[in-house]
Amino acid sequence: MRSVVTEYTDICIFCGAPSECEHHLLFGTSARELAEQDGIKVPCCNKCHNLANKAVDRVHGNPMAEKLSKMLGQAIWEVNYGDREAFRRRYGKSYL
C-alpha cells in the first residue's frame, strides 16, 4: 500500500491492530480513484473500517468519522500536492 499519510502501513491507524484493508480518506464514486492515485489512504483493520457492530466504532457508518476522514484527506493532499483551489479542481469541492 502506498500512503502519503503514514509510513506504518502494517497497523490499523485507528486501533493499532494488524491492518487488513485500506481506508481512502476521500471516497465516493470518483474521489476514491483519485485518492488511490494520490495515496490519500490509511491502513486499518476490517473492524474499524466497516465491520464493527456499532456504527460509532467503524469509519463507514459513522457520519462524524466520515467527515473527519475527508477533512484529513484534504489537509494531507494540500501539504503534498497543492493549494485549496487545486484540490477543488481535482476533487470537485472542499471539505475545509
Protein backbone atom coordinates (compact mmCIF):
# COMPACT_ATOMS: atom_id res chain seq x y z
CA MET A 1 0.00 0.00 0.00
CA ARG A 2 1.26 3.46 -0.91
CA SER A 3 0.19 6.12 1.57
CA VAL A 4 1.34 9.73 1.89
CA VAL A 5 -0.37 9.82 5.29
CA THR A 6 1.70 7.24 7.21
CA GLU A 7 4.72 5.04 6.73
CA TYR A 8 3.27 2.44 9.13
CA THR A 9 1.11 0.56 6.65
CA ASP A 10 1.02 -2.72 8.56
CA ILE A 11 -1.01 -1.48 11.55
CA CYS A 12 -4.52 -0.05 11.82
CA ILE A 13 -4.30 3.71 12.19
CA PHE A 14 -7.32 3.69 14.50
CA CYS A 15 -6.67 0.86 16.97
CA GLY A 16 -3.15 -0.46 16.29
CA ALA A 17 -4.25 -3.99 15.28
CA PRO A 18 -2.68 -5.55 12.19
CA SER A 19 -4.03 -3.85 9.08
CA GLU A 20 -6.31 -5.85 6.80
CA CYS A 21 -7.55 -3.20 4.39
CA GLU A 22 -7.19 0.41 3.29
CA HIS A 23 -9.43 3.33 4.13
CA HIS A 24 -9.46 6.00 1.43
CA LEU A 25 -9.78 9.32 3.24
CA LEU A 26 -11.53 10.77 0.22
CA PHE A 27 -14.20 8.43 -1.03
CA GLY A 28 -17.23 8.28 -3.23
CA THR A 29 -17.52 7.26 -6.84
CA SER A 30 -14.77 9.38 -8.43
CA ALA A 31 -12.93 10.58 -5.31
CA ARG A 32 -11.87 7.07 -4.28
CA GLU A 33 -9.99 6.52 -7.55
CA LEU A 34 -8.23 9.89 -7.25
CA ALA A 35 -7.36 9.17 -3.60
CA GLU A 36 -5.87 5.85 -4.72
CA GLN A 37 -3.70 7.66 -7.27
CA ASP A 38 -2.65 10.30 -4.73
CA GLY A 39 -2.00 7.87 -1.83
CA ILE A 40 -4.62 9.57 0.35
CA LYS A 41 -5.44 6.45 2.33
CA VAL A 42 -4.62 4.82 5.65
CA PRO A 43 -4.24 1.23 6.82
CA CYS A 44 -6.97 -0.18 9.02
CA CYS A 45 -8.43 -3.40 10.31
CA ASN A 46 -11.77 -4.64 8.99
CA LYS A 47 -13.49 -3.94 12.31
CA CYS A 48 -12.52 -0.27 12.38
CA HIS A 49 -13.22 0.11 8.67
CA ASN A 50 -16.72 -1.29 8.30
CA LEU A 51 -17.38 -4.44 10.36
CA ALA A 52 -17.78 -3.26 13.97
CA ASN A 53 -21.23 -3.98 15.40
CA LYS A 54 -21.84 -0.36 16.42
CA ALA A 55 -21.66 2.33 13.74
CA VAL A 56 -19.77 4.61 16.12
CA ASP A 57 -16.94 2.02 16.26
CA ARG A 58 -16.31 2.00 12.50
CA VAL A 59 -15.38 4.69 10.00
CA HIS A 60 -18.07 3.85 7.47
CA GLY A 61 -21.45 4.26 9.06
CA ASN A 62 -20.28 6.99 11.42
CA PRO A 63 -21.05 10.39 9.82
CA MET A 64 -18.59 12.31 12.02
CA ALA A 65 -15.74 9.89 11.26
CA GLU A 66 -16.51 10.14 7.54
CA LYS A 67 -16.45 13.96 7.65
CA LEU A 68 -13.19 13.96 9.62
CA SER A 69 -11.66 11.50 7.13
CA LYS A 70 -12.43 13.85 4.26
CA MET A 71 -11.06 16.85 6.14
CA LEU A 72 -7.84 14.99 6.98
CA GLY A 73 -7.58 13.74 3.40
CA GLN A 74 -7.82 17.25 2.02
CA ALA A 75 -5.32 18.65 4.53
CA ILE A 76 -2.80 15.91 3.68
CA TRP A 77 -3.39 16.47 -0.05
CA GLU A 78 -2.77 20.20 0.29
CA VAL A 79 0.51 19.60 2.17
CA ASN A 80 1.73 17.16 -0.50
CA TYR A 81 0.28 18.40 -3.79
CA GLY A 82 -1.07 21.95 -3.87
CA ASP A 83 -3.39 24.55 -2.50
CA ARG A 84 -7.12 24.57 -1.79
CA GLU A 85 -8.07 25.73 -5.29
CA ALA A 86 -6.04 22.91 -6.83
CA PHE A 87 -7.85 20.48 -4.52
CA ARG A 88 -11.23 21.86 -5.60
CA ARG A 89 -10.30 21.46 -9.25
CA ARG A 90 -9.17 17.85 -8.70
CA TYR A 91 -11.88 16.64 -6.30
CA GLY A 92 -14.75 18.97 -7.18
CA LYS A 93 -15.21 20.54 -3.74
CA SER A 94 -13.52 21.48 -0.50
CA TYR A 95 -14.08 19.80 2.86
CA LEU A 96 -12.22 22.52 4.82
